[in-house]
Amino acid sequence: MANRIRELRESQGMSQKEMGDLVHISQQSVSRIENNPLFVNTDVLGNICKLFHVTTDYILGFSNEKKNVEMYMELKCKFDLYEEFVNDFDSLNKENRQVISELMNILKHDQTQKRKIYKQKPVNTEVL
């Protein structure tokens, strides 16, 4: 567990003090946890998991999957894109917002039509 916490912290380029500040413990406590994981209480463990977007199973060594980190990064990228879109949309006047809405409806309809075509069963080409 200690190595995982250290690896996660270092992979983020974070010092022990920075990590301690983010999970509300001292740098000395981070050092103790990294050197002897028996010093970590459940509240701190939960805060560490939230900070690095991993499960307690990963931190405790019950799982080797980092998929929660990857999933978080994918979601964060999507959220950032959505936030940018919403901010851009909000900056438009009413007329241009209507144009964007109509364009989105056209694109959604086109996409739906393409899905229907791809879902059709292929024609049987067997020779009788």
N, C-alpha and C. Protein backbone atom coordinates (compact mmCIF):
# COMPACT_ATOMS: atom_id res chain seq x y z
N MET A 1 0.82 -1.19 0.00
CA MET A 1 0.00 0.00 0.00
C MET A 1 0.87 1.26 0.00
N ALA A 2 1.90 1.28 0.80
CA ALA A 2 2.73 2.47 0.89
C ALA A 2 3.34 2.81 -0.46
N ASN A 3 3.84 1.80 -1.16
CA ASN A 3 4.43 2.06 -2.47
C ASN A 3 3.40 2.63 -3.44
N ARG A 4 2.17 2.16 -3.37
CA ARG A 4 1.13 2.66 -4.28
C ARG A 4 0.84 4.13 -4.01
N ILE A 5 0.77 4.48 -2.75
CA ILE A 5 0.50 5.88 -2.41
C ILE A 5 1.65 6.75 -2.90
N ARG A 6 2.87 6.33 -2.65
CA ARG A 6 4.05 7.08 -3.11
C ARG A 6 4.05 7.17 -4.64
N GLU A 7 3.79 6.03 -5.32
CA GLU A 7 3.78 6.03 -6.79
C GLU A 7 2.72 6.99 -7.34
N LEU A 8 1.53 6.97 -6.75
CA LEU A 8 0.47 7.87 -7.21
C LEU A 8 0.87 9.33 -7.00
N ARG A 9 1.42 9.61 -5.85
CA ARG A 9 1.84 10.99 -5.54
C ARG A 9 2.92 11.45 -6.50
N GLU A 10 3.93 10.62 -6.69
CA GLU A 10 5.04 10.98 -7.56
C GLU A 10 4.61 11.07 -9.03
N SER A 11 3.67 10.21 -9.43
CA SER A 11 3.20 10.25 -10.83
C SER A 11 2.50 11.57 -11.15
N GLN A 12 2.02 12.24 -10.11
CA GLN A 12 1.36 13.53 -10.29
C GLN A 12 2.34 14.69 -10.08
N GLY A 13 3.61 14.35 -9.83
CA GLY A 13 4.62 15.38 -9.59
C GLY A 13 4.34 16.17 -8.32
N MET A 14 3.78 15.49 -7.35
CA MET A 14 3.33 16.14 -6.13
C MET A 14 4.31 15.86 -4.99
N SER A 15 4.60 16.88 -4.21
CA SER A 15 5.45 16.68 -3.03
C SER A 15 4.60 16.12 -1.90
N GLN A 16 5.27 15.62 -0.87
CA GLN A 16 4.53 15.13 0.30
C GLN A 16 3.75 16.26 0.95
N LYS A 17 4.31 17.46 0.98
CA LYS A 17 3.61 18.60 1.57
C LYS A 17 2.36 18.93 0.76
N GLU A 18 2.48 18.95 -0.56
CA GLU A 18 1.32 19.26 -1.41
C GLU A 18 0.22 18.23 -1.21
N MET A 19 0.61 16.95 -1.17
CA MET A 19 -0.39 15.90 -0.95
C MET A 19 -1.03 16.07 0.43
N GLY A 20 -0.21 16.33 1.44
CA GLY A 20 -0.72 16.51 2.79
C GLY A 20 -1.73 17.65 2.86
N ASP A 21 -1.41 18.75 2.19
CA ASP A 21 -2.34 19.89 2.18
C ASP A 21 -3.67 19.49 1.53
N LEU A 22 -3.62 18.71 0.47
CA LEU A 22 -4.83 18.33 -0.25
C LEU A 22 -5.70 17.32 0.50
N VAL A 23 -5.07 16.49 1.34
CA VAL A 23 -5.85 15.50 2.10
C VAL A 23 -5.93 15.86 3.58
N HIS A 24 -5.49 17.09 3.89
CA HIS A 24 -5.64 17.66 5.24
C HIS A 24 -4.85 16.92 6.32
N ILE A 25 -3.60 16.58 5.96
CA ILE A 25 -2.67 16.01 6.94
C ILE A 25 -1.31 16.68 6.73
N SER A 26 -0.41 16.48 7.68
CA SER A 26 0.91 17.11 7.58
C SER A 26 1.81 16.32 6.63
N GLN A 27 2.89 16.97 6.23
CA GLN A 27 3.90 16.30 5.39
C GLN A 27 4.49 15.11 6.15
N GLN A 28 4.65 15.27 7.45
CA GLN A 28 5.19 14.18 8.27
C GLN A 28 4.25 12.98 8.27
N SER A 29 2.95 13.24 8.29
CA SER A 29 1.98 12.15 8.25
C SER A 29 2.03 11.42 6.91
N VAL A 30 2.20 12.17 5.82
CA VAL A 30 2.33 11.54 4.50
C VAL A 30 3.56 10.65 4.49
N SER A 31 4.65 11.15 5.04
CA SER A 31 5.88 10.37 5.10
C SER A 31 5.67 9.09 5.90
N ARG A 32 5.00 9.21 7.06
CA ARG A 32 4.72 8.03 7.89
C ARG A 32 3.87 7.02 7.14
N ILE A 33 2.83 7.51 6.44
CA ILE A 33 1.94 6.61 5.69
C ILE A 33 2.71 5.91 4.58
N GLU A 34 3.58 6.66 3.90
CA GLU A 34 4.35 6.05 2.81
C GLU A 34 5.36 5.03 3.32
N ASN A 35 5.86 5.23 4.52
CA ASN A 35 6.85 4.32 5.08
C ASN A 35 6.25 3.22 5.93
N ASN A 36 5.07 3.44 6.47
CA ASN A 36 4.41 2.43 7.29
C ASN A 36 2.91 2.66 7.19
N PRO A 37 2.26 1.94 6.28
CA PRO A 37 0.84 2.19 6.01
C PRO A 37 -0.09 1.90 7.17
N LEU A 38 0.40 1.32 8.25
CA LEU A 38 -0.46 1.08 9.40
C LEU A 38 -0.90 2.37 10.07
N PHE A 39 -0.24 3.49 9.72
CA PHE A 39 -0.56 4.79 10.32
C PHE A 39 -1.76 5.47 9.67
N VAL A 40 -2.30 4.94 8.60
CA VAL A 40 -3.37 5.63 7.90
C VAL A 40 -4.73 5.24 8.48
N ASN A 41 -5.58 6.23 8.76
CA ASN A 41 -6.93 5.92 9.22
C ASN A 41 -7.89 5.95 8.03
N THR A 42 -9.09 5.49 8.22
CA THR A 42 -10.02 5.33 7.11
C THR A 42 -10.40 6.67 6.47
N ASP A 43 -10.52 7.72 7.26
CA ASP A 43 -10.84 9.03 6.69
C ASP A 43 -9.73 9.50 5.75
N VAL A 44 -8.50 9.37 6.20
CA VAL A 44 -7.36 9.78 5.38
C VAL A 44 -7.27 8.89 4.14
N LEU A 45 -7.47 7.60 4.32
CA LEU A 45 -7.43 6.68 3.18
C LEU A 45 -8.48 7.09 2.14
N GLY A 46 -9.67 7.41 2.61
CA GLY A 46 -10.72 7.86 1.69
C GLY A 46 -10.33 9.13 0.96
N ASN A 47 -9.72 10.07 1.67
CA ASN A 47 -9.28 11.31 1.04
C ASN A 47 -8.19 11.07 0.01
N ILE A 48 -7.29 10.14 0.29
CA ILE A 48 -6.22 9.81 -0.66
C ILE A 48 -6.83 9.19 -1.92
N CYS A 49 -7.79 8.30 -1.73
CA CYS A 49 -8.45 7.67 -2.88
C CYS A 49 -9.17 8.71 -3.74
N LYS A 50 -9.85 9.65 -3.09
CA LYS A 50 -10.54 10.71 -3.83
C LYS A 50 -9.54 11.58 -4.58
N LEU A 51 -8.44 11.91 -3.93
CA LEU A 51 -7.43 12.75 -4.54
C LEU A 51 -6.90 12.14 -5.84
N PHE A 52 -6.62 10.84 -5.80
CA PHE A 52 -6.01 10.18 -6.96
C PHE A 52 -7.03 9.42 -7.82
N HIS A 53 -8.32 9.51 -7.44
CA HIS A 53 -9.39 8.88 -8.22
C HIS A 53 -9.17 7.39 -8.41
N VAL A 54 -8.87 6.73 -7.32
CA VAL A 54 -8.72 5.27 -7.32
C VAL A 54 -9.55 4.71 -6.17
N THR A 55 -9.77 3.42 -6.21
CA THR A 55 -10.52 2.78 -5.14
C THR A 55 -9.60 2.38 -4.00
N THR A 56 -10.20 2.12 -2.86
CA THR A 56 -9.41 1.61 -1.74
C THR A 56 -8.80 0.26 -2.10
N ASP A 57 -9.49 -0.53 -2.93
CA ASP A 57 -8.93 -1.82 -3.36
C ASP A 57 -7.58 -1.63 -4.05
N TYR A 58 -7.46 -0.61 -4.87
CA TYR A 58 -6.19 -0.36 -5.55
C TYR A 58 -5.13 0.05 -4.53
N ILE A 59 -5.47 1.00 -3.68
CA ILE A 59 -4.50 1.47 -2.67
C ILE A 59 -4.05 0.33 -1.77
N LEU A 60 -5.01 -0.53 -1.36
CA LEU A 60 -4.69 -1.61 -0.42
C LEU A 60 -4.04 -2.82 -1.09
N GLY A 61 -3.93 -2.78 -2.41
CA GLY A 61 -3.27 -3.87 -3.12
C GLY A 61 -4.18 -5.04 -3.48
N PHE A 62 -5.48 -4.89 -3.31
CA PHE A 62 -6.42 -5.95 -3.68
C PHE A 62 -6.70 -5.97 -5.18
N SER A 63 -6.38 -4.88 -5.86
CA SER A 63 -6.61 -4.77 -7.30
C SER A 63 -5.42 -4.06 -7.93
N ASN A 64 -5.08 -4.49 -9.13
CA ASN A 64 -4.00 -3.82 -9.87
C ASN A 64 -4.53 -2.90 -10.95
N GLU A 65 -5.84 -2.78 -11.03
CA GLU A 65 -6.46 -1.97 -12.08
C GLU A 65 -6.45 -0.50 -11.70
N LYS A 66 -6.01 0.32 -12.65
CA LYS A 66 -6.07 1.76 -12.47
C LYS A 66 -7.22 2.35 -13.28
N LYS A 67 -8.15 1.52 -13.66
CA LYS A 67 -9.20 1.97 -14.57
C LYS A 67 -9.98 3.17 -14.04
N ASN A 68 -10.08 3.31 -12.74
CA ASN A 68 -10.80 4.47 -12.22
C ASN A 68 -10.07 5.76 -12.56
N VAL A 69 -8.75 5.73 -12.58
CA VAL A 69 -7.99 6.91 -12.95
C VAL A 69 -8.23 7.20 -14.43
N GLU A 70 -8.15 6.16 -15.25
CA GLU A 70 -8.37 6.35 -16.68
C GLU A 70 -9.80 6.82 -16.95
N MET A 71 -10.76 6.23 -16.26
CA MET A 71 -12.15 6.62 -16.44
C MET A 71 -12.33 8.08 -16.03
N TYR A 72 -11.73 8.47 -14.94
CA TYR A 72 -11.82 9.85 -14.48
C TYR A 72 -11.25 10.80 -15.53
N MET A 73 -10.10 10.46 -16.08
CA MET A 73 -9.47 11.33 -17.07
C MET A 73 -10.35 11.47 -18.31
N GLU A 74 -10.96 10.36 -18.75
CA GLU A 74 -11.87 10.42 -19.90
C GLU A 74 -13.06 11.32 -19.58
N LEU A 75 -13.63 11.15 -18.40
CA LEU A 75 -14.77 11.97 -18.01
C LEU A 75 -14.38 13.44 -17.88
N LYS A 76 -13.20 13.69 -17.33
CA LYS A 76 -12.74 15.07 -17.19
C LYS A 76 -12.57 15.71 -18.55
N CYS A 77 -12.02 14.99 -19.51
CA CYS A 77 -11.85 15.54 -20.86
C CYS A 77 -13.22 15.87 -21.47
N LYS A 78 -14.17 14.95 -21.29
CA LYS A 78 -15.52 15.20 -21.81
C LYS A 78 -16.14 16.41 -21.11
N PHE A 79 -16.01 16.47 -19.81
CA PHE A 79 -16.57 17.58 -19.06
C PHE A 79 -15.97 18.90 -19.52
N ASP A 80 -14.65 18.93 -19.71
CA ASP A 80 -14.00 20.16 -20.16
C ASP A 80 -14.53 20.58 -21.53
N LEU A 81 -14.73 19.61 -22.41
CA LEU A 81 -15.27 19.90 -23.74
C LEU A 81 -16.70 20.43 -23.63
N TYR A 82 -17.52 19.78 -22.80
CA TYR A 82 -18.90 20.24 -22.60
C TYR A 82 -18.93 21.64 -22.01
N GLU A 83 -18.07 21.88 -21.04
CA GLU A 83 -18.03 23.19 -20.41
C GLU A 83 -17.66 24.27 -21.42
N GLU A 84 -16.69 23.96 -22.27
CA GLU A 84 -16.29 24.91 -23.31
C GLU A 84 -17.45 25.17 -24.27
N PHE A 85 -18.15 24.10 -24.66
CA PHE A 85 -19.29 24.26 -25.56
C PHE A 85 -20.37 25.13 -24.93
N VAL A 86 -20.71 24.84 -23.68
CA VAL A 86 -21.75 25.61 -23.00
C VAL A 86 -21.36 27.08 -22.88
N ASN A 87 -20.10 27.33 -22.53
CA ASN A 87 -19.65 28.73 -22.43
C ASN A 87 -19.74 29.43 -23.78
N ASP A 88 -19.32 28.73 -24.85
CA ASP A 88 -19.42 29.33 -26.19
C ASP A 88 -20.87 29.55 -26.57
N PHE A 89 -21.72 28.58 -26.28
CA PHE A 89 -23.14 28.68 -26.60
C PHE A 89 -23.77 29.86 -25.85
N ASP A 90 -23.43 30.00 -24.58
CA ASP A 90 -23.98 31.10 -23.77
C ASP A 90 -23.55 32.47 -24.28
N SER A 91 -22.41 32.53 -24.95
CA SER A 91 -21.92 33.82 -25.43
C SER A 91 -22.61 34.26 -26.72
N LEU A 92 -23.40 33.35 -27.33
CA LEU A 92 -24.10 33.68 -28.57
C LEU A 92 -25.39 34.44 -28.30
N ASN A 93 -25.83 35.21 -29.30
CA ASN A 93 -27.13 35.86 -29.17
C ASN A 93 -28.23 34.83 -29.43
N LYS A 94 -29.47 35.22 -29.18
CA LYS A 94 -30.61 34.30 -29.29
C LYS A 94 -30.73 33.69 -30.68
N GLU A 95 -30.54 34.50 -31.70
CA GLU A 95 -30.66 34.02 -33.09
C GLU A 95 -29.61 32.95 -33.39
N ASN A 96 -28.38 33.18 -32.99
CA ASN A 96 -27.31 32.21 -33.25
C ASN A 96 -27.49 30.94 -32.42
N ARG A 97 -28.02 31.08 -31.22
CA ARG A 97 -28.32 29.88 -30.43
C ARG A 97 -29.34 29.01 -31.14
N GLN A 98 -30.34 29.66 -31.75
CA GLN A 98 -31.37 28.92 -32.50
C GLN A 98 -30.74 28.19 -33.69
N VAL A 99 -29.81 28.85 -34.38
CA VAL A 99 -29.12 28.22 -35.52
C VAL A 99 -28.36 26.98 -35.05
N ILE A 100 -27.65 27.11 -33.94
CA ILE A 100 -26.88 25.97 -33.40
C ILE A 100 -27.84 24.84 -33.00
N SER A 101 -28.94 25.16 -32.38
CA SER A 101 -29.92 24.14 -31.98
C SER A 101 -30.47 23.40 -33.20
N GLU A 102 -30.80 24.15 -34.24
CA GLU A 102 -31.31 23.53 -35.47
C GLU A 102 -30.25 22.65 -36.12
N LEU A 103 -29.03 23.12 -36.15
CA LEU A 103 -27.93 22.33 -36.71
C LEU A 103 -27.74 21.03 -35.92
N MET A 104 -27.81 21.11 -34.61
CA MET A 104 -27.67 19.90 -33.79
C MET A 104 -28.79 18.91 -34.09
N ASN A 105 -30.00 19.40 -34.26
CA ASN A 105 -31.12 18.52 -34.60
C ASN A 105 -30.89 17.84 -35.95
N ILE A 106 -30.37 18.58 -36.92
CA ILE A 106 -30.06 18.00 -38.23
C ILE A 106 -29.00 16.92 -38.08
N LEU A 107 -27.96 17.19 -37.34
CA LEU A 107 -26.88 16.22 -37.14
C LEU A 107 -27.37 14.97 -36.40
N LYS A 108 -28.20 15.17 -35.38
CA LYS A 108 -28.75 14.01 -34.64
C LYS A 108 -29.61 13.15 -35.56
N HIS A 109 -30.42 13.79 -36.39
CA HIS A 109 -31.27 13.05 -37.32
C HIS A 109 -30.42 12.27 -38.31
N ASP A 110 -29.40 12.92 -38.85
CA ASP A 110 -28.49 12.26 -39.80
C ASP A 110 -27.80 11.07 -39.15
N GLN A 111 -27.37 11.24 -37.92
CA GLN A 111 -26.70 10.16 -37.20
C GLN A 111 -27.65 8.99 -36.96
N THR A 112 -28.88 9.29 -36.59
CA THR A 112 -29.90 8.25 -36.37
C THR A 112 -30.15 7.47 -37.66
N GLN A 113 -30.23 8.18 -38.76
CA GLN A 113 -30.47 7.52 -40.05
C GLN A 113 -29.32 6.60 -40.40
N LYS A 114 -28.10 7.03 -40.17
CA LYS A 114 -26.93 6.20 -40.46
C LYS A 114 -26.92 4.96 -39.59
N ARG A 115 -27.30 5.09 -38.33
CA ARG A 115 -27.37 3.92 -37.44
C ARG A 115 -28.38 2.92 -37.95
N LYS A 116 -29.50 3.40 -38.42
CA LYS A 116 -30.53 2.49 -38.95
C LYS A 116 -30.00 1.71 -40.13
N ILE A 117 -29.26 2.36 -41.00
CA ILE A 117 -28.70 1.70 -42.18
C ILE A 117 -27.71 0.62 -41.77
N TYR A 118 -26.84 0.94 -40.80
CA TYR A 118 -25.83 -0.02 -40.37
C TYR A 118 -26.41 -1.18 -39.59
N LYS A 119 -27.56 -0.98 -38.97
CA LYS A 119 -28.17 -2.05 -38.19
C LYS A 119 -28.95 -3.03 -39.05
N GLN A 120 -29.23 -2.67 -40.30
CA GLN A 120 -29.96 -3.58 -41.17
C GLN A 120 -29.13 -4.83 -41.40
N LYS A 121 -29.84 -5.94 -41.50
CA LYS A 121 -29.15 -7.20 -41.71
C LYS A 121 -28.60 -7.22 -43.14
N PRO A 122 -27.41 -7.82 -43.33
CA PRO A 122 -26.88 -7.91 -44.68
C PRO A 122 -27.75 -8.80 -45.56
N VAL A 123 -27.73 -8.52 -46.82
CA VAL A 123 -28.51 -9.30 -47.78
C VAL A 123 -27.87 -10.68 -47.91
N ASN A 124 -28.67 -11.70 -47.95
CA ASN A 124 -28.18 -13.06 -48.10
C ASN A 124 -27.64 -13.23 -49.53
N THR A 125 -26.36 -13.51 -49.64
CA THR A 125 -25.75 -13.64 -50.95
C THR A 125 -25.42 -15.10 -51.31
N GLU A 126 -25.96 -16.01 -50.54
CA GLU A 126 -25.70 -17.43 -50.81
C GLU A 126 -26.33 -17.82 -52.15
N VAL A 127 -25.61 -18.65 -52.87
CA VAL A 127 -26.11 -19.17 -54.13
C VAL A 127 -26.95 -20.39 -53.84
N LEU A 128 -28.15 -20.41 -54.39
CA LEU A 128 -29.04 -21.55 -54.16
C LEU A 128 -28.64 -22.75 -54.94
